[in-house]
């Protein structure tokens, strides 16, 4: 643990931070142990239901059901944040302006060359 060097853009894992790991109050440790026990009990119940050889009904995992519903219906759960707004502008609005600028300047350059008579047309359809 002494030679561990934290990454500049990542937070220190809880297991490696001595302030978070060793200086916990007894109440906090009891609460974490109680949460771990509840999780272990739920996992055990699910595994027992899933591996029952005499099972006739479908085993329902509520967390999986919520996840599938959220993936199938993203818009009711969407929240506009700085990141989503920036990504929407970057991939929705900026490309429109960029391509407008590219096509407009290219067309204007060709128009000027046509008016000046300096445009070399590679495919002459009238000769």
C-alpha atoms as a PDB file:
ATOM      1  CA  UNK A   1       0.000   0.000   0.000  1.00  0.00           C
ATOM      2  CA  UNK A   2       2.952   2.319   0.543  1.00  0.00           C
ATOM      3  CA  UNK A   3       4.059   2.208  -3.100  1.00  0.00           C
ATOM      4  CA  UNK A   4       0.559   2.808  -4.498  1.00  0.00           C
ATOM      5  CA  UNK A   5       0.353   5.970  -6.598  1.00  0.00           C
ATOM      6  CA  UNK A   6      -3.095   7.327  -7.397  1.00  0.00           C
ATOM      7  CA  UNK A   7      -4.029   8.052 -10.986  1.00  0.00           C
ATOM      8  CA  UNK A   8      -4.531  11.760 -11.706  1.00  0.00           C
ATOM      9  CA  UNK A   9      -8.104  11.406 -13.047  1.00  0.00           C
ATOM     10  CA  UNK A  10      -9.352   8.546 -10.863  1.00  0.00           C
ATOM     11  CA  UNK A  11     -10.374   8.565  -7.242  1.00  0.00           C
ATOM     12  CA  UNK A  12      -8.614   6.381  -4.730  1.00  0.00           C
ATOM     13  CA  UNK A  13     -10.428   3.063  -4.182  1.00  0.00           C
ATOM     14  CA  UNK A  14     -12.073   2.773  -0.788  1.00  0.00           C
ATOM     15  CA  UNK A  15      -9.997  -0.276   0.091  1.00  0.00           C
ATOM     16  CA  UNK A  16      -6.769   1.682  -0.428  1.00  0.00           C
ATOM     17  CA  UNK A  17      -7.731   4.918   1.325  1.00  0.00           C
ATOM     18  CA  UNK A  18      -6.730   4.536   4.985  1.00  0.00           C
ATOM     19  CA  UNK A  19      -9.005   7.388   6.084  1.00  0.00           C
ATOM     20  CA  UNK A  20     -12.042   5.693   4.576  1.00  0.00           C
ATOM     21  CA  UNK A  21     -11.141   2.144   5.505  1.00  0.00           C
ATOM     22  CA  UNK A  22      -9.540   2.166   8.943  1.00  0.00           C
ATOM     23  CA  UNK A  23     -11.210   5.165  10.614  1.00  0.00           C
ATOM     24  CA  UNK A  24     -14.813   3.970  10.349  1.00  0.00           C
ATOM     25  CA  UNK A  25     -17.131   4.263  13.294  1.00  0.00           C
ATOM     26  CA  UNK A  26     -18.616   1.062  14.741  1.00  0.00           C
ATOM     27  CA  UNK A  27     -22.111   2.176  13.686  1.00  0.00           C
ATOM     28  CA  UNK A  28     -20.946   2.663  10.103  1.00  0.00           C
ATOM     29  CA  UNK A  29     -19.300  -0.770  10.062  1.00  0.00           C
ATOM     30  CA  UNK A  30     -22.457  -2.391  11.487  1.00  0.00           C
ATOM     31  CA  UNK A  31     -24.596  -0.661   8.829  1.00  0.00           C
ATOM     32  CA  UNK A  32     -22.288  -1.876   6.051  1.00  0.00           C
ATOM     33  CA  UNK A  33     -22.343  -5.406   7.437  1.00  0.00           C
ATOM     34  CA  UNK A  34     -26.153  -5.325   7.646  1.00  0.00           C
ATOM     35  CA  UNK A  35     -26.389  -4.144   4.003  1.00  0.00           C
ATOM     36  CA  UNK A  36     -23.969  -6.883   2.938  1.00  0.00           C
ATOM     37  CA  UNK A  37     -26.054  -9.466   4.811  1.00  0.00           C
ATOM     38  CA  UNK A  38     -29.262  -8.299   3.092  1.00  0.00           C
ATOM     39  CA  UNK A  39     -27.558  -8.455  -0.311  1.00  0.00           C
ATOM     40  CA  UNK A  40     -26.195 -11.935   0.411  1.00  0.00           C
ATOM     41  CA  UNK A  41     -29.630 -13.134   1.561  1.00  0.00           C
ATOM     42  CA  UNK A  42     -31.337 -11.789  -1.580  1.00  0.00           C
ATOM     43  CA  UNK A  43     -28.668 -13.355  -3.760  1.00  0.00           C
ATOM     44  CA  UNK A  44     -29.057 -16.694  -1.978  1.00  0.00           C
ATOM     45  CA  UNK A  45     -32.868 -16.633  -2.364  1.00  0.00           C
ATOM     46  CA  UNK A  46     -32.542 -15.868  -6.067  1.00  0.00           C
ATOM     47  CA  UNK A  47     -29.994 -18.649  -6.579  1.00  0.00           C
ATOM     48  CA  UNK A  48     -32.226 -21.137  -4.732  1.00  0.00           C
ATOM     49  CA  UNK A  49     -35.216 -20.209  -6.913  1.00  0.00           C
ATOM     50  CA  UNK A  50     -33.151 -20.272 -10.086  1.00  0.00           C
ATOM     51  CA  UNK A  51     -31.552 -23.640  -9.415  1.00  0.00           C
ATOM     52  CA  UNK A  52     -34.683 -25.411  -8.165  1.00  0.00           C
ATOM     53  CA  UNK A  53     -35.026 -28.546 -10.353  1.00  0.00           C
ATOM     54  CA  UNK A  54     -38.798 -28.770  -9.677  1.00  0.00           C
ATOM     55  CA  UNK A  55     -39.516 -25.182 -10.653  1.00  0.00           C
ATOM     56  CA  UNK A  56     -42.632 -24.665 -12.796  1.00  0.00           C
ATOM     57  CA  UNK A  57     -42.931 -20.873 -12.768  1.00  0.00           C
ATOM     58  CA  UNK A  58     -40.700 -18.172 -14.200  1.00  0.00           C
ATOM     59  CA  UNK A  59     -38.142 -16.682 -11.806  1.00  0.00           C
ATOM     60  CA  UNK A  60     -38.552 -12.927 -11.721  1.00  0.00           C
ATOM     61  CA  UNK A  61     -35.542 -10.729 -11.038  1.00  0.00           C
ATOM     62  CA  UNK A  62     -36.913  -7.253 -10.246  1.00  0.00           C
ATOM     63  CA  UNK A  63     -33.569  -5.526 -10.865  1.00  0.00           C
ATOM     64  CA  UNK A  64     -33.302  -7.107 -14.310  1.00  0.00           C
ATOM     65  CA  UNK A  65     -36.909  -6.151 -15.085  1.00  0.00           C
ATOM     66  CA  UNK A  66     -36.227  -2.521 -14.101  1.00  0.00           C
ATOM     67  CA  UNK A  67     -33.055  -2.456 -16.188  1.00  0.00           C
ATOM     68  CA  UNK A  68     -34.789  -3.873 -19.290  1.00  0.00           C
ATOM     69  CA  UNK A  69     -37.659  -1.387 -18.892  1.00  0.00           C
ATOM     70  CA  UNK A  70     -35.246   1.537 -18.533  1.00  0.00           C
ATOM     71  CA  UNK A  71     -33.311   0.425 -21.628  1.00  0.00           C
ATOM     72  CA  UNK A  72     -36.505   0.028 -23.661  1.00  0.00           C
ATOM     73  CA  UNK A  73     -37.986   3.382 -22.531  1.00  0.00           C
ATOM     74  CA  UNK A  74     -35.096   5.830 -22.200  1.00  0.00           C
ATOM     75  CA  UNK A  75     -37.038   9.062 -22.716  1.00  0.00           C
ATOM     76  CA  UNK A  76     -39.145   9.071 -19.520  1.00  0.00           C
ATOM     77  CA  UNK A  77     -35.922   8.620 -17.534  1.00  0.00           C
ATOM     78  CA  UNK A  78     -33.813  11.145 -19.456  1.00  0.00           C
ATOM     79  CA  UNK A  79     -32.523  14.147 -17.532  1.00  0.00           C
ATOM     80  CA  UNK A  80     -30.846  17.056 -19.271  1.00  0.00           C
ATOM     81  CA  UNK A  81     -27.451  17.764 -17.763  1.00  0.00           C
ATOM     82  CA  UNK A  82     -24.440  19.734 -18.929  1.00  0.00           C
ATOM     83  CA  UNK A  83     -22.914  16.589 -20.386  1.00  0.00           C
ATOM     84  CA  UNK A  84     -26.011  15.497 -22.324  1.00  0.00           C
ATOM     85  CA  UNK A  85     -26.583  19.026 -23.603  1.00  0.00           C
ATOM     86  CA  UNK A  86     -22.984  19.314 -24.760  1.00  0.00           C
ATOM     87  CA  UNK A  87     -23.125  15.905 -26.449  1.00  0.00           C
ATOM     88  CA  UNK A  88     -26.395  16.823 -28.185  1.00  0.00           C
ATOM     89  CA  UNK A  89     -24.895  20.050 -29.477  1.00  0.00           C
ATOM     90  CA  UNK A  90     -21.662  18.344 -30.504  1.00  0.00           C
ATOM     91  CA  UNK A  91     -23.307  15.532 -32.457  1.00  0.00           C
ATOM     92  CA  UNK A  92     -26.530  17.274 -33.532  1.00  0.00           C
ATOM     93  CA  UNK A  93     -25.964  20.972 -34.141  1.00  0.00           C
ATOM     94  CA  UNK A  94     -22.249  21.476 -34.806  1.00  0.00           C
ATOM     95  CA  UNK A  95     -22.079  19.014 -37.743  1.00  0.00           C
ATOM     96  CA  UNK A  96     -24.906  20.899 -39.486  1.00  0.00           C
ATOM     97  CA  UNK A  97     -23.044  24.194 -39.277  1.00  0.00           C
ATOM     98  CA  UNK A  98     -19.756  22.555 -40.228  1.00  0.00           C
ATOM     99  CA  UNK A  99     -21.131  20.895 -43.373  1.00  0.00           C
ATOM    100  CA  UNK A 100     -23.058  24.047 -44.315  1.00  0.00           C
ATOM    101  CA  UNK A 101     -19.807  26.023 -44.102  1.00  0.00           C
ATOM    102  CA  UNK A 102     -17.834  23.431 -46.124  1.00  0.00           C
ATOM    103  CA  UNK A 103     -20.414  23.082 -48.913  1.00  0.00           C
ATOM    104  CA  UNK A 104     -21.136  26.814 -49.093  1.00  0.00           C
ATOM    105  CA  UNK A 105     -17.472  27.841 -49.337  1.00  0.00           C
ATOM    106  CA  UNK A 106     -16.783  25.125 -51.931  1.00  0.00           C
ATOM    107  CA  UNK A 107     -19.769  26.222 -54.026  1.00  0.00           C
ATOM    108  CA  UNK A 108     -18.780  29.896 -53.749  1.00  0.00           C
ATOM    109  CA  UNK A 109     -15.203  29.088 -54.792  1.00  0.00           C
ATOM    110  CA  UNK A 110     -16.406  27.169 -57.835  1.00  0.00           C
ATOM    111  CA  UNK A 111     -18.822  29.983 -58.768  1.00  0.00           C
ATOM    112  CA  UNK A 112     -15.964  32.486 -58.660  1.00  0.00           C
ATOM    113  CA  UNK A 113     -13.777  30.229 -60.799  1.00  0.00           C
ATOM    114  CA  UNK A 114     -16.602  29.742 -63.326  1.00  0.00           C
ATOM    115  CA  UNK A 115     -17.175  33.516 -63.560  1.00  0.00           C
ATOM    116  CA  UNK A 116     -13.432  34.122 -63.991  1.00  0.00           C
ATOM    117  CA  UNK A 117     -13.145  31.269 -66.527  1.00  0.00           C
ATOM    118  CA  UNK A 118     -10.389  29.516 -64.615  1.00  0.00           C
ATOM    119  CA  UNK A 119     -12.262  26.364 -63.599  1.00  0.00           C
ATOM    120  CA  UNK A 120     -10.871  23.255 -65.273  1.00  0.00           C
ATOM    121  CA  UNK A 121     -13.766  20.854 -65.730  1.00  0.00           C
ATOM    122  CA  UNK A 122     -12.567  17.288 -65.839  1.00  0.00           C
ATOM    123  CA  UNK A 123     -15.760  15.803 -67.307  1.00  0.00           C
ATOM    124  CA  UNK A 124     -16.898  17.939 -70.252  1.00  0.00           C
ATOM    125  CA  UNK A 125     -20.311  16.684 -71.288  1.00  0.00           C
ATOM    126  CA  UNK A 126     -20.830  19.071 -74.290  1.00  0.00           C
ATOM    127  CA  UNK A 127     -17.874  18.181 -76.551  1.00  0.00           C
END
